[in-house]
């Protein structure tokens, strides 16, 4: 609808909103950890950027792996990674010195559970 398109344009600088979720009235809610706790409590995964192999991904277009090969054993810091699968994508591409952070306690607990499943050899999802 025209209203939702206008709202999307107004919030073009804010995070993408998954289907079925309404945009907040103002971008200022994004600074509130309780907004993210509520969102992450009901949302398993959302890609904020795109993965290494996704068509049109900035990581694919400017080959990240060529610029910073995993065999150099670099440290990667993903700030505000939320519930993205990007940490898993990097891990699966042999980037093992990886720190993914966020300020939502809910998503941090979910990320920790994913990491424990991964380290035990089970599927991270």
Foldseek 3Di string as FASTA:
>chain_A
DVVQVVVCVVQVVAFDDDPPDHDDPDSVCVVPLVVLLVVCVPDQEDARQDECPDPPGPCVVVVVCVVPPLVVQDAEEAEQRFNYCRVVRCVVSNNDNYHYDHDHPNRVVLVVQLVVCVVVVHHSD
